[in-house]
N, C-alpha and C. Protein backbone atom coordinates (compact mmCIF):
# COMPACT_ATOMS: atom_id res chain seq x y z
N MET A 1 -126.55 -31.96 1.70
CA MET A 1 -125.81 -31.57 3.21
C MET A 1 -125.46 -32.85 3.81
N GLN A 2 -126.34 -33.88 3.60
CA GLN A 2 -125.94 -34.84 3.86
C GLN A 2 -124.48 -35.67 3.51
N GLN A 3 -123.81 -35.06 2.06
CA GLN A 3 -122.55 -35.40 2.02
C GLN A 3 -121.70 -34.85 2.84
N ARG A 4 -122.16 -33.84 3.37
CA ARG A 4 -121.00 -33.29 3.87
C ARG A 4 -120.72 -33.86 5.21
N CYS A 5 -121.39 -34.52 5.75
CA CYS A 5 -121.92 -34.73 7.06
C CYS A 5 -121.05 -35.95 6.91
N ARG A 6 -121.35 -36.65 5.95
CA ARG A 6 -120.89 -38.32 5.63
C ARG A 6 -119.41 -37.89 5.48
N LYS A 7 -118.85 -37.17 4.77
CA LYS A 7 -117.33 -36.73 4.63
C LYS A 7 -116.73 -36.49 5.63
N LYS A 8 -117.35 -35.78 6.77
CA LYS A 8 -117.08 -35.76 8.34
C LYS A 8 -116.79 -37.22 8.79
N ILE A 9 -117.52 -38.04 8.49
CA ILE A 9 -117.63 -39.31 9.49
C ILE A 9 -116.77 -40.31 8.62
N GLU A 10 -116.78 -40.59 7.49
CA GLU A 10 -115.80 -41.43 6.91
C GLU A 10 -114.42 -41.18 6.98
N GLU A 11 -114.44 -39.96 6.57
CA GLU A 11 -112.76 -39.50 6.25
C GLU A 11 -111.83 -40.21 7.82
N PRO A 12 -112.22 -40.03 8.62
CA PRO A 12 -111.40 -40.46 9.76
C PRO A 12 -110.90 -42.15 9.62
N PHE A 13 -112.35 -42.60 9.12
CA PHE A 13 -111.75 -44.00 8.79
C PHE A 13 -111.16 -44.59 7.59
N GLY A 14 -111.09 -43.55 6.56
CA GLY A 14 -110.69 -43.75 5.61
C GLY A 14 -108.95 -43.40 5.63
N TRP A 15 -108.64 -42.57 6.50
CA TRP A 15 -107.24 -42.08 7.14
C TRP A 15 -106.85 -43.72 7.68
N ALA A 16 -107.43 -44.12 8.60
CA ALA A 16 -107.35 -44.91 9.53
C ALA A 16 -106.95 -46.65 8.90
N LYS A 17 -107.50 -46.50 7.85
CA LYS A 17 -107.30 -47.86 7.09
C LYS A 17 -105.66 -47.59 5.75
N THR A 18 -105.73 -46.27 5.60
CA THR A 18 -104.45 -46.46 4.43
C THR A 18 -102.81 -45.67 5.33
N VAL A 19 -103.33 -44.97 6.36
CA VAL A 19 -102.13 -44.19 6.88
C VAL A 19 -102.10 -45.13 8.17
N GLY A 20 -102.91 -45.18 9.06
CA GLY A 20 -103.36 -46.01 10.64
C GLY A 20 -102.82 -47.42 10.61
N GLY A 21 -103.11 -47.88 9.18
CA GLY A 21 -102.48 -49.57 9.31
C GLY A 21 -103.89 -50.46 9.74
N MET A 22 -105.04 -50.10 10.04
CA MET A 22 -106.15 -50.46 10.20
C MET A 22 -106.59 -51.59 8.57
N THR A 23 -105.93 -51.66 7.46
CA THR A 23 -106.34 -52.40 6.82
C THR A 23 -107.05 -53.65 7.41
N GLN A 24 -105.76 -54.40 7.49
CA GLN A 24 -105.95 -55.47 8.16
C GLN A 24 -105.63 -56.06 9.30
N THR A 25 -106.05 -55.83 10.30
CA THR A 25 -105.22 -55.82 11.96
C THR A 25 -104.59 -57.37 11.81
N VAL A 26 -103.49 -56.72 12.75
CA VAL A 26 -103.05 -58.36 13.09
C VAL A 26 -103.39 -59.13 14.16
N TYR A 27 -104.18 -58.13 15.07
CA TYR A 27 -104.69 -58.51 16.29
C TYR A 27 -105.74 -59.78 16.40
N ARG A 28 -105.95 -60.18 17.49
CA ARG A 28 -106.92 -61.22 17.20
C ARG A 28 -107.51 -60.48 18.71
N GLY A 29 -108.85 -61.13 18.79
CA GLY A 29 -109.95 -60.50 20.10
C GLY A 29 -110.25 -59.33 20.33
N VAL A 30 -111.27 -58.95 20.78
CA VAL A 30 -112.00 -57.50 20.34
C VAL A 30 -110.99 -56.43 20.93
N GLU A 31 -111.28 -56.90 22.57
CA GLU A 31 -110.34 -55.98 22.88
C GLU A 31 -108.94 -55.04 22.42
N ARG A 32 -108.44 -56.10 21.67
CA ARG A 32 -107.19 -55.53 21.21
C ARG A 32 -107.10 -54.59 20.14
N VAL A 33 -108.41 -55.50 19.21
CA VAL A 33 -109.13 -54.47 17.96
C VAL A 33 -109.44 -53.27 18.57
N ARG A 34 -109.90 -53.12 19.54
CA ARG A 34 -110.53 -52.10 19.83
C ARG A 34 -109.45 -50.95 19.97
N ALA A 35 -108.45 -51.46 21.40
CA ALA A 35 -107.35 -50.41 21.68
C ALA A 35 -106.78 -50.14 20.39
N ARG A 36 -106.60 -50.87 19.48
CA ARG A 36 -105.87 -50.65 18.58
C ARG A 36 -106.37 -49.31 17.60
N PHE A 37 -107.74 -49.27 17.04
CA PHE A 37 -108.61 -48.66 16.72
C PHE A 37 -108.64 -47.17 17.27
N THR A 38 -108.57 -47.48 18.82
CA THR A 38 -108.82 -46.45 19.34
C THR A 38 -107.43 -45.64 19.06
N LEU A 39 -106.02 -46.10 19.06
CA LEU A 39 -105.26 -45.28 18.87
C LEU A 39 -104.94 -44.84 17.47
N ALA A 40 -105.48 -45.57 16.70
CA ALA A 40 -105.33 -44.99 15.05
C ALA A 40 -106.40 -44.08 15.25
N MET A 41 -107.10 -43.75 16.01
CA MET A 41 -107.96 -42.92 15.72
C MET A 41 -107.39 -41.62 16.19
N ALA A 42 -106.88 -41.50 17.54
CA ALA A 42 -106.33 -40.42 18.66
C ALA A 42 -105.03 -40.21 17.61
N ALA A 43 -104.29 -41.09 16.49
CA ALA A 43 -103.41 -40.63 15.93
C ALA A 43 -103.93 -39.81 14.78
N CYS A 44 -105.12 -39.95 14.38
CA CYS A 44 -105.91 -39.22 13.41
C CYS A 44 -106.39 -37.76 13.94
N ASN A 45 -106.72 -37.69 14.95
CA ASN A 45 -106.74 -36.53 15.60
C ASN A 45 -105.41 -35.53 16.07
N LEU A 46 -104.43 -36.40 16.57
CA LEU A 46 -103.28 -35.64 16.21
C LEU A 46 -102.73 -34.92 15.03
N ALA A 47 -102.95 -35.99 14.03
CA ALA A 47 -102.83 -35.21 12.99
C ALA A 47 -103.35 -34.29 12.27
N ARG A 48 -104.69 -34.20 12.74
CA ARG A 48 -105.55 -32.95 12.08
C ARG A 48 -105.57 -31.44 13.00
N LEU A 49 -104.79 -32.24 14.34
CA LEU A 49 -104.76 -30.61 15.47
C LEU A 49 -104.49 -29.38 14.71
N PRO A 50 -103.10 -29.57 13.84
CA PRO A 50 -102.40 -28.29 13.05
C PRO A 50 -104.18 -27.12 12.91
N LYS A 51 -104.51 -28.26 11.78
CA LYS A 51 -105.02 -27.69 10.46
C LYS A 51 -106.00 -26.86 11.51
N LEU A 52 -106.88 -27.86 12.30
CA LEU A 52 -107.83 -27.12 13.29
C LEU A 52 -107.44 -26.06 14.10
N LEU A 53 -106.51 -25.77 14.45
CA LEU A 53 -106.08 -24.80 15.34
C LEU A 53 -105.74 -23.69 14.21
N ALA A 54 -105.62 -23.85 13.48
CA ALA A 54 -104.71 -22.90 12.62
C ALA A 54 -106.12 -22.05 11.94
N THR A 55 -107.63 -22.32 12.12
CA THR A 55 -108.66 -21.80 11.74
C THR A 55 -109.47 -21.19 13.00
């Protein structure tokens, strides 16, 4: 059961690193990196949205 919960949590972080460009950030400062991370997570949610609406 923990492995299923872990997959739900870690999958978006993996997506952000591979597709979202968060492997190595080019921004400096906490606020800019936080904004970039928020944008990457929003893009991840938008990418997942059609699959979630289909079920």
